[in-house]
């Protein structure tokens, strides 16, 4: 049995959960929170940094969401989330990094600023993060002009990364109406069963979103 540590409202937890749901893998989901303090102690025993998600299989821990998904592809080959072809795999990994580093990270910078409270607010950080998101949105809108998923290789690691990053980024800095391709892609992601499941499971935690969760999605 796989053991998975994470939280339903965590964007990187979503990324790995989407892969688990896509593959139909049985796992023991140990939610981190005040109701189960032992879960965090177990997590830190495997990974002292304490970050999640974390997957444990046969006593071996795997952390970092992209690595977890790659391990799942090794463990349960179908459906593949990283293509076997090296060129296709490189394209998928490229978009995975784009969504993590240029969408998710920028979104999290704004959220982190809100969590620090008004007395520690740093306007420059928020302005730079939102400007970076605006640039990423424009680039992605052109790249996604063909419709479908992030790459031509079916639902993949790239889409696992895109779903939570675009879900929350649009809350932090709404995707402009002019970026029709990106908005349509986000809508396709949220309608996809494995992603929709994450959205619904996280719904009870929306009150904790520091910027106020919008009345949509």
Protein backbone atom coordinates (compact mmCIF):
# COMPACT_ATOMS: atom_id res chain seq x y z
CA UNK A 1 0.00 0.00 0.00
CA UNK A 2 1.22 3.47 -0.88
CA UNK A 3 1.11 6.07 1.90
CA UNK A 4 0.51 9.64 0.79
CA UNK A 5 0.90 12.73 2.99
CA UNK A 6 -0.67 16.01 1.97
CA UNK A 7 -3.53 18.42 2.46
CA UNK A 8 -6.62 18.82 0.24
CA UNK A 9 -6.17 22.59 -0.11
CA UNK A 10 -2.46 22.40 -1.03
CA UNK A 11 -1.65 23.08 -4.68
CA UNK A 12 1.30 20.70 -4.82
CA UNK A 13 -0.75 18.03 -3.05
CA UNK A 14 -3.29 18.40 -5.85
CA UNK A 15 -0.60 17.94 -8.45
CA UNK A 16 0.38 14.53 -7.08
CA UNK A 17 -3.19 13.53 -6.20
CA UNK A 18 -4.30 14.12 -9.78
CA UNK A 19 -1.69 11.60 -10.93
CA UNK A 20 -2.79 9.07 -8.29
CA UNK A 21 -6.42 9.46 -9.35
CA UNK A 22 -5.54 9.21 -13.05
CA UNK A 23 -3.83 5.89 -12.41
CA UNK A 24 -6.52 4.53 -10.10
CA UNK A 25 -3.93 3.60 -7.49
CA UNK A 26 -5.01 2.52 -4.00
CA UNK A 27 -3.28 4.58 -1.33
CA UNK A 28 -3.53 5.53 2.32
CA UNK A 29 -4.16 9.28 2.32
CA UNK A 30 -2.81 10.73 5.57
CA UNK A 31 -4.12 14.28 5.69
CA UNK A 32 -1.91 16.75 7.52
CA UNK A 33 -3.62 18.95 10.07
CA UNK A 34 -4.43 19.52 13.74
CA UNK A 35 -6.80 16.56 13.81
CA UNK A 36 -3.94 14.14 13.10
CA UNK A 37 -0.68 15.52 14.55
CA UNK A 38 0.99 12.12 14.22
CA UNK A 39 0.84 12.42 10.43
CA UNK A 40 3.14 15.42 10.45
CA UNK A 41 5.51 13.63 12.81
CA UNK A 42 5.61 10.68 10.40
CA UNK A 43 6.23 13.04 7.50
CA UNK A 44 9.16 14.72 9.25
CA UNK A 45 10.65 11.34 10.13
CA UNK A 46 10.92 10.70 6.39
CA UNK A 47 11.73 14.27 5.31
CA UNK A 48 12.96 16.61 8.08
CA UNK A 49 12.23 19.69 5.96
CA UNK A 50 8.56 18.89 6.56
CA UNK A 51 7.31 19.87 3.11
CA UNK A 52 4.58 17.94 1.36
CA UNK A 53 3.33 16.07 -0.58
CA UNK A 54 5.25 12.96 0.31
CA UNK A 55 4.76 9.43 -0.99
CA UNK A 56 6.06 6.38 0.86
CA UNK A 57 6.25 2.98 -0.84
CA UNK A 58 7.81 -0.07 0.81
CA UNK A 59 9.37 2.24 3.38
CA UNK A 60 11.06 4.44 0.77
CA UNK A 61 9.99 8.13 0.74
CA UNK A 62 9.55 10.13 -2.45
CA UNK A 63 9.09 13.87 -2.22
CA UNK A 64 8.72 16.74 -4.71
CA UNK A 65 5.55 16.42 -6.77
CA UNK A 66 7.19 15.94 -10.18
CA UNK A 67 9.39 13.14 -8.81
CA UNK A 68 6.37 11.49 -7.18
CA UNK A 69 4.57 11.49 -10.53
CA UNK A 70 7.60 10.09 -12.33
CA UNK A 71 7.82 7.34 -9.72
CA UNK A 72 4.13 6.56 -10.21
CA UNK A 73 4.75 6.21 -13.95
CA UNK A 74 7.43 3.65 -13.13
CA UNK A 75 5.17 1.83 -10.67
CA UNK A 76 1.95 1.92 -12.72
CA UNK A 77 2.90 2.49 -16.37
CA UNK A 78 -0.60 3.18 -17.69
CA UNK A 79 -1.86 5.72 -18.31
CA UNK A 80 1.52 7.27 -18.90
CA UNK A 81 1.93 10.82 -17.62
CA UNK A 82 5.46 11.23 -19.03
CA UNK A 83 5.84 9.89 -22.58
CA UNK A 84 8.36 7.16 -23.27
CA UNK A 85 9.72 9.07 -26.27
CA UNK A 86 12.54 11.34 -25.09
CA UNK A 87 11.53 14.33 -27.21
CA UNK A 88 7.91 14.15 -26.10
CA UNK A 89 8.99 13.66 -22.49
CA UNK A 90 11.18 16.76 -22.69
CA UNK A 91 8.24 18.82 -23.93
CA UNK A 92 6.04 17.57 -21.08
CA UNK A 93 8.72 18.27 -18.47
CA UNK A 94 9.28 21.72 -19.99
CA UNK A 95 5.64 22.66 -19.42
CA UNK A 96 5.72 21.12 -15.97
CA UNK A 97 8.54 23.53 -15.08
CA UNK A 98 6.71 26.48 -16.68
CA UNK A 99 3.60 25.88 -14.59
CA UNK A 100 5.52 25.26 -11.37
CA UNK A 101 8.05 28.07 -11.65
CA UNK A 102 6.24 30.75 -13.60
CA UNK A 103 2.62 30.29 -12.49
CA UNK A 104 2.53 28.36 -9.19
CA UNK A 105 5.54 30.10 -7.65
CA UNK A 106 4.29 33.57 -8.59
CA UNK A 107 0.85 32.81 -7.21
CA UNK A 108 2.37 31.54 -3.98
CA UNK A 109 4.45 34.73 -3.60
CA UNK A 110 1.24 36.78 -3.49
CA UNK A 111 -0.41 34.35 -1.07
CA UNK A 112 2.67 34.36 1.18
CA UNK A 113 2.57 38.15 1.28
CA UNK A 114 -1.07 38.03 2.41
CA UNK A 115 -0.23 35.47 5.08
CA UNK A 116 2.41 37.79 6.53
CA UNK A 117 -0.36 40.24 7.40
CA UNK A 118 -0.78 43.93 6.52
CA UNK A 119 1.98 45.01 8.89
CA UNK A 120 4.51 42.98 6.88
CA UNK A 121 3.02 43.56 3.43
CA UNK A 122 5.66 44.13 0.71
CA UNK A 123 3.92 45.78 -2.25
CA UNK A 124 6.91 45.32 -4.56
CA UNK A 125 6.77 41.52 -4.18
CA UNK A 126 3.08 41.46 -5.06
CA UNK A 127 3.51 43.83 -8.00
CA UNK A 128 6.39 41.82 -9.44
CA UNK A 129 4.58 38.51 -8.98
CA UNK A 130 1.43 39.76 -10.68
CA UNK A 131 3.44 41.25 -13.54
CA UNK A 132 5.20 37.91 -14.00
CA UNK A 133 1.84 36.13 -14.01
CA UNK A 134 0.57 38.54 -16.66
CA UNK A 135 3.56 37.72 -18.86
CA UNK A 136 3.14 33.98 -18.33
CA UNK A 137 -0.56 34.20 -19.14
CA UNK A 138 0.17 35.87 -22.46
CA UNK A 139 2.79 33.30 -23.43
CA UNK A 140 0.60 30.36 -22.41
CA UNK A 141 -2.38 31.75 -24.31
CA UNK A 142 -0.36 31.57 -27.54
CA UNK A 143 1.09 28.13 -26.75
CA UNK A 144 -2.37 26.69 -26.03
CA UNK A 145 -4.02 28.04 -29.17
CA UNK A 146 -4.62 24.53 -30.51
CA UNK A 147 -6.93 23.48 -27.67
CA UNK A 148 -6.64 20.13 -25.92
CA UNK A 149 -4.08 19.55 -23.18
CA UNK A 150 -0.80 21.33 -22.51
CA UNK A 151 1.10 19.17 -25.00
CA UNK A 152 0.05 16.96 -27.93
CA UNK A 153 0.73 13.83 -25.87
CA UNK A 154 -2.51 13.49 -23.94
CA UNK A 155 -3.16 14.31 -20.30
CA UNK A 156 0.26 14.39 -18.69
CA UNK A 157 2.55 15.58 -15.92
CA UNK A 158 2.25 19.04 -17.47
CA UNK A 159 -1.51 19.09 -16.91
CA UNK A 160 -1.11 17.78 -13.36
CA UNK A 161 1.01 20.88 -12.72
CA UNK A 162 -1.24 23.22 -14.68
CA UNK A 163 -4.47 22.39 -12.87
CA UNK A 164 -3.64 23.64 -9.36
CA UNK A 165 -1.39 26.45 -10.56
CA UNK A 166 -4.03 27.95 -12.85
CA UNK A 167 -6.84 27.25 -10.39
CA UNK A 168 -5.25 29.35 -7.66
CA UNK A 169 -3.42 31.83 -9.90
CA UNK A 170 -6.72 32.94 -11.39
CA UNK A 171 -7.93 33.67 -7.84
CA UNK A 172 -4.80 35.74 -7.13
CA UNK A 173 -4.58 37.56 -10.48
CA UNK A 174 -7.56 36.78 -12.76
CA UNK A 175 -6.73 35.60 -16.27
CA UNK A 176 -7.83 38.45 -18.56
CA UNK A 177 -10.81 37.87 -20.85
CA UNK A 178 -8.57 38.45 -23.88
CA UNK A 179 -6.65 35.25 -23.12
CA UNK A 180 -9.45 33.03 -24.38
CA UNK A 181 -7.23 30.00 -25.05
CA UNK A 182 -5.82 29.96 -21.52
CA UNK A 183 -9.23 30.50 -19.93
CA UNK A 184 -10.67 27.64 -21.99
CA UNK A 185 -7.77 25.38 -21.02
CA UNK A 186 -8.33 26.15 -17.33
CA UNK A 187 -12.02 25.29 -17.76
CA UNK A 188 -11.15 21.97 -19.44
CA UNK A 189 -8.81 21.13 -16.59
CA UNK A 190 -11.40 21.87 -13.90
CA UNK A 191 -13.94 19.67 -15.72
CA UNK A 192 -11.52 16.73 -15.93
CA UNK A 193 -12.58 14.03 -13.40
CA UNK A 194 -9.32 13.73 -11.46
CA UNK A 195 -9.04 17.52 -11.17
CA UNK A 196 -12.71 18.01 -10.34
CA UNK A 197 -12.30 15.55 -7.50
CA UNK A 198 -9.50 17.68 -6.01
CA UNK A 199 -11.58 20.84 -6.39
CA UNK A 200 -14.51 19.30 -4.53
CA UNK A 201 -12.38 17.77 -1.76
CA UNK A 202 -10.76 21.18 -1.15
CA UNK A 203 -14.03 23.12 -1.08
CA UNK A 204 -14.49 22.92 2.74
CA UNK A 205 -11.16 24.73 3.22
CA UNK A 206 -11.84 27.79 1.05
CA UNK A 207 -12.43 30.03 4.06
CA UNK A 208 -8.72 29.70 4.85
CA UNK A 209 -7.62 31.31 1.58
CA UNK A 210 -5.98 34.54 2.82
CA UNK A 211 -7.14 36.69 -0.08
CA UNK A 212 -10.74 35.49 0.09
CA UNK A 213 -11.84 32.69 -2.23
CA UNK A 214 -14.05 33.99 -5.07
CA UNK A 215 -17.62 32.74 -5.43
CA UNK A 216 -16.88 30.65 -8.49
CA UNK A 217 -15.15 27.44 -9.56
